[in-house]
Amino acid sequence: MPSAKMPLQFQTLTTVPLSDKERISQTITPENVAIALAALHRDGIVCLSNAVDVTHIETLNTILSNEAEIMAKLSTTHFNDNSTDGRPTGNMSQGPPLKPELMYRDIWANGPAAKVISSILGPNPHVNYVNGNTALGGFNGARQNVHADLSFNHGLFPFALVANYYLVDTSPANGSTELWLGTHRDTSFADHKNCQTDEPITGEEAKFGIRNELLEARREYAPPIQASVPKGSVVLRDLRLWHAGLCNPSPDPRIMLAFVHTPWWYQCPAKVVLPEAAREVVESWSKGDAPVVYDAHYVPAELDNKKVKFNPNFSSANQGYLSVLPDLPRGFVFGMDDVDVSVNA
């Protein structure tokens, strides 16, 4: 049997338990960095537990849980249903509060996460996307198609990592994500259903699921897992990793926040819309031992996080990078025909 088809030895989510000292000081030991990097390269994902002050987590969860029902009824809310049969999955995009006093550094610029991310992507990673993923409670049976968070031709090496911050203890009982470990290592845009050369796909018709025959072939030797993650964790995931959102049968929403990081050279055109009042604190995060740079567009008014426009544009404007991509169709890029800094009224 070819080695690529051997059953994978590692079929669990690697969790690196940070010490209280690491959490409080927002540092991480070289040993823990090594474990995290090994898991990220091998599996495409790793969990750093005890990474965030639980009081910050609980404050945000209270706010966002109370807002979830309101958001579910807004016409501006983006639902990530993406199911095979069209049934709602209860999976919606819900970003964090945008008031400076609630933009906690150990979430927006987590030190241990930044150290690991910069060890993969290089120094001074840039953030071009801030949002969140909420699995509303009370949904049964429906599920997303297996997909990667990319709808366009992309590189064959780590070029984007998402940091997911879990606001509640998460398990199969409340809709933890289905993960296909290791799929980032040998995937390309050719594995996606919308890799085609005929009429372009636009808007919400962009289906970026993985081809069914590839899923079935991989299932034989590396079936997916559904992991458990304690609240206060940050899960770092390679954007190329195959995964699927599953419904949440519990009564309460399962909320995790999402911050997408790209290398300093990548030149992603999207910007994070933030209030001018947050500029000083946000720009302070680009300094120090574990810098995180926000490509931000600041607006003078307060922002309602429930209405910030959904725009997962993770593309690159670096012509050198684009020139060495696989010879495949360009695909669909969110926001290329929109103003990336816009906010829903």
Protein backbone atom coordinates (compact mmCIF):
# COMPACT_ATOMS: atom_id res chain seq x y z
CA MET A 1 0.00 0.00 0.00
CA PRO A 2 1.49 3.42 -0.89
CA SER A 3 2.52 5.40 2.15
CA ALA A 4 0.12 8.21 1.21
CA LYS A 5 -2.77 5.76 1.59
CA MET A 6 -1.72 4.25 4.92
CA PRO A 7 -4.07 4.88 7.85
CA LEU A 8 -2.92 7.99 9.67
CA GLN A 9 -1.23 7.39 13.00
CA PHE A 10 -2.48 10.69 14.39
CA GLN A 11 -6.27 11.01 14.33
CA THR A 12 -6.95 13.32 17.24
CA LEU A 13 -6.77 17.09 17.62
CA THR A 14 -3.45 17.91 19.29
CA THR A 15 -4.01 20.12 22.34
CA VAL A 16 -1.12 22.07 23.86
CA PRO A 17 -2.05 22.95 27.47
CA LEU A 18 -0.56 26.34 28.28
CA SER A 19 0.42 27.01 31.85
CA ASP A 20 -1.21 29.76 33.87
CA LYS A 21 2.11 31.60 33.67
CA GLU A 22 2.03 31.47 29.88
CA ARG A 23 -1.58 32.68 29.78
CA ILE A 24 -1.05 35.54 32.21
CA SER A 25 2.23 36.70 30.64
CA GLN A 26 0.95 35.97 27.10
CA THR A 27 4.12 34.04 26.31
CA ILE A 28 4.74 30.47 25.19
CA THR A 29 7.71 28.20 25.82
CA PRO A 30 9.89 26.99 22.95
CA GLU A 31 8.82 23.44 23.80
CA ASN A 32 5.14 24.28 23.36
CA VAL A 33 5.87 26.17 20.14
CA ALA A 34 7.59 23.04 18.83
CA ILE A 35 4.61 20.82 19.64
CA ALA A 36 2.20 23.30 18.06
CA LEU A 37 4.29 23.63 14.90
CA ALA A 38 4.62 19.86 14.51
CA ALA A 39 0.85 19.49 14.75
CA LEU A 40 0.16 22.36 12.36
CA HIS A 41 2.49 20.99 9.71
CA ARG A 42 1.26 17.41 10.12
CA ASP A 43 -2.46 17.87 10.80
CA GLY A 44 -3.18 21.42 9.63
CA ILE A 45 -4.63 22.33 13.03
CA VAL A 46 -3.68 22.62 16.71
CA CYS A 47 -5.41 23.73 19.91
CA LEU A 48 -3.73 25.95 22.51
CA SER A 49 -5.80 25.53 25.65
CA ASN A 50 -5.81 27.96 28.59
CA ALA A 51 -4.79 30.72 26.17
CA VAL A 52 -7.31 33.40 27.17
CA ASP A 53 -8.55 34.89 30.45
CA VAL A 54 -11.85 33.08 31.09
CA THR A 55 -13.47 36.28 32.39
CA HIS A 56 -12.93 37.80 28.92
CA ILE A 57 -14.41 34.70 27.32
CA GLU A 58 -17.47 34.71 29.58
CA THR A 59 -18.08 38.43 29.06
CA LEU A 60 -18.05 38.06 25.28
CA ASN A 61 -20.14 34.90 25.35
CA THR A 62 -22.83 36.61 27.41
CA ILE A 63 -22.97 39.54 24.98
CA LEU A 64 -22.90 37.46 21.80
CA SER A 65 -25.29 34.79 23.07
CA ASN A 66 -27.84 37.51 23.81
CA GLU A 67 -27.28 38.98 20.34
CA ALA A 68 -27.48 35.65 18.50
CA GLU A 69 -31.27 35.46 18.41
CA ILE A 70 -31.45 39.07 17.22
CA MET A 71 -28.87 38.45 14.51
CA ALA A 72 -30.67 35.34 13.30
CA LYS A 73 -33.61 37.57 12.29
CA LEU A 74 -31.64 40.34 10.57
CA SER A 75 -31.65 40.49 6.77
CA THR A 76 -27.98 41.52 6.87
CA THR A 77 -26.84 38.35 8.66
CA HIS A 78 -24.85 35.85 6.61
CA PHE A 79 -25.76 32.18 7.11
CA ASN A 80 -23.15 29.54 6.28
CA ASP A 81 -25.70 26.86 5.49
CA ASN A 82 -23.87 25.26 2.53
CA SER A 83 -25.77 21.98 3.02
CA THR A 84 -26.25 19.27 0.42
CA ASP A 85 -30.05 19.24 0.63
CA GLY A 86 -30.55 22.95 1.30
CA ARG A 87 -31.73 22.48 4.88
CA PRO A 88 -30.67 25.21 7.33
CA THR A 89 -27.79 24.27 9.58
CA GLY A 90 -28.17 27.17 12.01
CA ASN A 91 -24.61 28.22 11.24
CA MET A 92 -24.18 31.99 10.96
CA SER A 93 -21.40 34.55 10.91
CA GLN A 94 -21.29 36.60 14.11
CA GLY A 95 -18.33 38.85 14.83
CA PRO A 96 -17.02 40.16 18.16
CA PRO A 97 -18.01 43.47 19.75
CA LEU A 98 -16.12 46.44 18.27
CA LYS A 99 -15.97 48.64 21.34
CA PRO A 100 -12.34 49.23 22.41
CA GLU A 101 -12.99 48.16 25.99
CA LEU A 102 -14.23 44.77 24.73
CA MET A 103 -11.41 44.20 22.21
CA TYR A 104 -9.32 42.16 24.62
CA ARG A 105 -5.67 41.83 23.67
CA ASP A 106 -5.50 38.14 24.61
CA ILE A 107 -8.08 37.51 21.87
CA TRP A 108 -7.32 40.15 19.24
CA ALA A 109 -3.53 39.78 19.59
CA ASN A 110 -2.97 36.64 21.63
CA GLY A 111 0.74 36.30 22.41
CA PRO A 112 1.10 32.48 22.27
CA ALA A 113 -0.97 32.30 19.08
CA ALA A 114 1.05 35.09 17.47
CA LYS A 115 4.31 33.28 18.25
CA VAL A 116 3.11 30.08 16.62
CA ILE A 117 1.56 31.87 13.64
CA SER A 118 4.69 33.92 12.98
CA SER A 119 6.76 30.73 13.14
CA ILE A 120 4.71 29.43 10.21
CA LEU A 121 3.96 32.58 8.18
CA GLY A 122 6.98 34.70 9.04
CA PRO A 123 7.27 37.88 11.14
CA ASN A 124 4.52 40.45 11.57
CA PRO A 125 1.51 38.49 10.27
CA HIS A 126 -1.35 40.64 9.02
CA VAL A 127 -5.02 40.25 9.96
CA ASN A 128 -7.50 40.98 7.16
CA TYR A 129 -10.60 39.26 8.49
CA VAL A 130 -12.34 39.41 11.86
CA ASN A 131 -15.62 37.60 12.33
CA GLY A 132 -17.02 34.60 14.13
CA ASN A 133 -18.98 31.43 13.67
CA THR A 134 -22.09 30.66 15.68
CA ALA A 135 -23.94 27.36 15.63
CA LEU A 136 -27.42 28.26 16.83
CA GLY A 137 -28.97 25.81 19.26
CA GLY A 138 -31.83 23.47 18.50
CA PHE A 139 -30.77 22.21 15.07
CA ASN A 140 -30.60 18.52 14.29
CA GLY A 141 -29.42 16.51 11.32
CA ALA A 142 -28.39 19.16 8.81
CA ARG A 143 -24.71 19.72 8.10
CA GLN A 144 -22.43 21.71 5.84
CA ASN A 145 -20.73 20.20 2.84
CA VAL A 146 -17.08 19.39 3.49
CA HIS A 147 -15.08 22.36 2.27
CA ALA A 148 -11.98 24.48 2.74
CA ASP A 149 -12.32 28.22 3.36
CA LEU A 150 -11.00 29.00 -0.10
CA SER A 151 -12.91 29.46 -3.34
CA PHE A 152 -10.00 30.38 -5.61
CA ASN A 153 -6.65 29.09 -6.88
CA HIS A 154 -4.11 29.12 -4.07
CA GLY A 155 -0.59 28.19 -3.04
CA LEU A 156 0.57 24.73 -2.02
CA PHE A 157 2.19 25.88 1.23
CA PRO A 158 0.93 27.63 4.38
CA PHE A 159 -0.20 31.13 3.37
CA ALA A 160 -3.14 31.76 5.72
CA LEU A 161 -4.01 30.64 9.23
CA VAL A 162 -7.24 31.27 11.10
CA ALA A 163 -7.25 31.67 14.87
CA ASN A 164 -10.56 30.48 16.35
CA TYR A 165 -11.32 31.49 19.94
CA TYR A 166 -13.85 29.24 21.66
CA LEU A 167 -16.28 31.03 24.00
CA VAL A 168 -17.88 27.84 25.38
CA ASP A 169 -16.79 24.28 25.98
CA THR A 170 -17.32 22.67 22.60
CA SER A 171 -17.93 19.02 21.74
CA PRO A 172 -20.14 16.93 19.44
CA ALA A 173 -22.97 17.67 21.87
CA ASN A 174 -23.09 21.34 20.77
CA GLY A 175 -21.79 21.29 17.22
CA SER A 176 -18.02 21.01 17.20
CA THR A 177 -16.49 21.15 13.73
CA GLU A 178 -15.83 18.04 11.65
CA LEU A 179 -12.11 17.97 10.80
CA TRP A 180 -10.26 16.09 8.06
CA LEU A 181 -6.77 16.03 9.53
CA GLY A 182 -3.82 16.32 7.20
CA THR A 183 -5.81 17.30 4.10
CA HIS A 184 -3.95 20.60 3.82
CA ARG A 185 -0.73 18.78 2.88
CA ASP A 186 -1.65 17.57 -0.60
CA THR A 187 -4.68 19.61 -1.62
CA SER A 188 -5.06 22.26 -4.31
CA PHE A 189 -7.87 24.25 -5.90
CA ALA A 190 -8.35 21.30 -8.28
CA ASP A 191 -9.97 19.42 -5.37
CA HIS A 192 -12.78 21.99 -5.15
CA LYS A 193 -16.13 21.59 -6.89
CA ASN A 194 -16.03 25.10 -8.33
CA CYS A 195 -12.66 24.67 -10.05
CA GLN A 196 -14.06 25.04 -13.56
CA THR A 197 -13.51 27.07 -16.69
CA ASP A 198 -17.08 27.65 -17.86
CA GLU A 199 -19.38 30.45 -16.66
CA PRO A 200 -18.01 32.17 -13.54
CA ILE A 201 -19.66 31.57 -10.21
CA THR A 202 -20.83 34.72 -8.44
CA GLY A 203 -22.21 35.79 -5.09
CA GLU A 204 -23.77 33.17 -2.88
CA GLU A 205 -23.61 30.64 -5.72
CA ALA A 206 -19.95 30.18 -4.89
CA LYS A 207 -19.80 26.58 -3.75
CA PHE A 208 -16.37 25.78 -2.42
CA GLY A 209 -17.00 22.23 -1.29
CA ILE A 210 -14.55 19.39 -1.86
CA ARG A 211 -15.27 16.89 -4.65
CA ASN A 212 -17.26 13.91 -3.38
CA GLU A 213 -15.01 11.24 -4.90
CA LEU A 214 -12.00 12.67 -3.08
CA LEU A 215 -13.84 12.62 0.24
CA GLU A 216 -14.83 8.99 -0.18
CA ALA A 217 -11.32 7.98 -1.17
CA ARG A 218 -9.80 9.69 1.86
CA ARG A 219 -12.47 8.40 4.24
CA GLU A 220 -11.16 4.86 3.67
CA TYR A 221 -7.82 5.55 5.34
CA ALA A 222 -8.26 8.86 7.21
CA PRO A 223 -11.88 9.43 8.24
CA PRO A 224 -12.85 12.77 9.77
CA ILE A 225 -12.99 13.47 13.48
CA GLN A 226 -15.15 15.69 15.67
CA ALA A 227 -13.06 17.13 18.48
CA SER A 228 -13.77 18.62 21.90
CA VAL A 229 -12.29 22.02 22.76
CA PRO A 230 -12.44 23.75 26.18
CA LYS A 231 -13.51 27.39 26.36
CA GLY A 232 -10.62 29.81 26.57
CA SER A 233 -8.77 27.90 23.85
CA VAL A 234 -7.46 29.20 20.57
CA VAL A 235 -7.46 26.73 17.68
CA LEU A 236 -5.06 27.53 14.85
CA ARG A 237 -6.04 26.05 11.48
CA ASP A 238 -4.46 26.11 8.03
CA LEU A 239 -7.06 27.64 5.71
CA ARG A 240 -6.58 24.77 3.26
CA LEU A 241 -7.79 22.11 5.73
CA TRP A 242 -11.01 20.32 4.79
CA HIS A 243 -13.75 20.63 7.39
CA ALA A 244 -17.51 20.96 7.86
CA GLY A 245 -19.80 22.70 10.31
CA LEU A 246 -22.24 20.35 12.04
CA CYS A 247 -25.53 21.30 13.62
CA ASN A 248 -25.86 22.13 17.30
CA PRO A 249 -28.65 20.11 18.96
CA SER A 250 -28.12 21.75 22.36
CA PRO A 251 -30.35 24.67 23.43
CA ASP A 252 -27.54 27.23 23.64
CA PRO A 253 -25.48 28.78 20.81
CA ARG A 254 -21.93 27.53 20.24
CA ILE A 255 -19.79 30.58 19.48
CA MET A 256 -16.23 30.84 18.27
CA LEU A 257 -14.47 33.94 16.95
CA ALA A 258 -12.30 33.96 13.81
CA PHE A 259 -9.20 36.01 12.93
CA VAL A 260 -7.48 35.21 9.61
CA HIS A 261 -3.73 35.88 9.42
CA THR A 262 -1.63 36.12 6.25
CA PRO A 263 2.12 36.78 5.75
CA TRP A 264 3.42 40.36 5.62
CA TRP A 265 4.23 39.95 1.90
CA TYR A 266 0.88 38.45 0.87
CA GLN A 267 -0.90 41.78 0.21
CA CYS A 268 -4.48 40.73 0.87
CA PRO A 269 -6.73 43.56 -0.39
CA ALA A 270 -9.38 43.20 2.33
CA LYS A 271 -9.42 45.43 5.38
CA VAL A 272 -10.91 45.06 8.84
CA VAL A 273 -13.42 47.81 9.55
CA LEU A 274 -12.81 49.27 13.02
CA PRO A 275 -13.86 52.35 14.99
CA GLU A 276 -11.40 55.24 15.11
CA ALA A 277 -11.59 55.03 18.90
CA ALA A 278 -9.77 51.67 18.72
CA ARG A 279 -6.87 52.86 16.54
CA GLU A 280 -4.38 53.51 19.35
CA VAL A 281 -4.84 50.14 21.02
CA VAL A 282 -4.92 48.21 17.73
CA GLU A 283 -1.74 49.85 16.48
CA SER A 284 -0.03 49.08 19.79
CA TRP A 285 -0.41 45.37 19.00
CA SER A 286 1.98 45.73 16.05
CA LYS A 287 4.83 46.41 18.49
CA GLY A 288 6.57 44.20 21.00
CA ASP A 289 7.73 40.61 21.10
CA ALA A 290 4.79 38.99 19.27
CA PRO A 291 3.44 41.64 16.91
CA VAL A 292 0.15 41.35 15.06
CA VAL A 293 -0.62 43.91 12.33
CA TYR A 294 -4.21 44.78 11.48
CA ASP A 295 -4.88 45.99 7.96
CA ALA A 296 -7.66 48.25 9.17
CA HIS A 297 -10.02 50.88 7.81
CA TYR A 298 -11.02 53.19 10.65
CA VAL A 299 -14.37 54.94 10.66
CA PRO A 300 -15.30 57.82 13.00
CA ALA A 301 -18.58 56.34 14.21
CA GLU A 302 -19.31 53.49 16.57
CA LEU A 303 -19.81 50.18 14.78
CA ASP A 304 -22.56 47.65 15.34
CA ASN A 305 -20.82 44.28 15.14
CA LYS A 306 -24.14 42.68 14.19
CA LYS A 307 -24.14 44.55 10.86
CA VAL A 308 -20.53 44.57 9.70
CA LYS A 309 -20.41 43.22 6.17
CA PHE A 310 -19.40 39.59 5.66
CA ASN A 311 -16.43 39.57 3.27
CA PRO A 312 -14.11 36.54 3.45
CA ASN A 313 -11.67 37.83 0.86
CA PHE A 314 -8.47 35.89 1.53
CA SER A 315 -6.94 36.52 -1.90
CA SER A 316 -3.50 37.96 -2.64
CA ALA A 317 -2.45 40.95 -4.74
CA ASN A 318 1.21 39.90 -4.78
CA GLN A 319 2.00 39.35 -8.46
CA GLY A 320 5.05 37.21 -7.72
CA TYR A 321 2.98 34.82 -5.65
CA LEU A 322 0.20 34.75 -8.25
CA SER A 323 2.71 33.95 -11.00
CA VAL A 324 3.76 30.67 -9.36
CA LEU A 325 0.31 29.28 -8.53
CA PRO A 326 -0.79 25.98 -10.12
CA ASP A 327 -2.11 26.28 -13.67
CA LEU A 328 -5.79 26.26 -12.68
CA PRO A 329 -8.77 28.59 -13.10
CA ARG A 330 -8.77 31.66 -10.90
CA GLY A 331 -12.04 30.74 -9.16
CA PHE A 332 -14.31 33.04 -7.18
CA VAL A 333 -12.99 35.78 -4.90
CA PHE A 334 -15.38 37.39 -2.43
CA GLY A 335 -15.51 41.16 -2.43
CA MET A 336 -13.48 41.82 -5.56
CA ASP A 337 -16.41 43.74 -7.06
CA ASP A 338 -17.36 45.37 -3.76
CA VAL A 339 -15.82 48.01 -1.56
CA ASP A 340 -14.00 45.97 1.03
CA VAL A 341 -14.38 48.58 3.75
CA SER A 342 -18.16 48.89 3.48
CA VAL A 343 -20.50 48.31 6.36
CA ASN A 344 -24.13 47.29 6.14
CA ALA A 345 -26.50 50.04 7.19
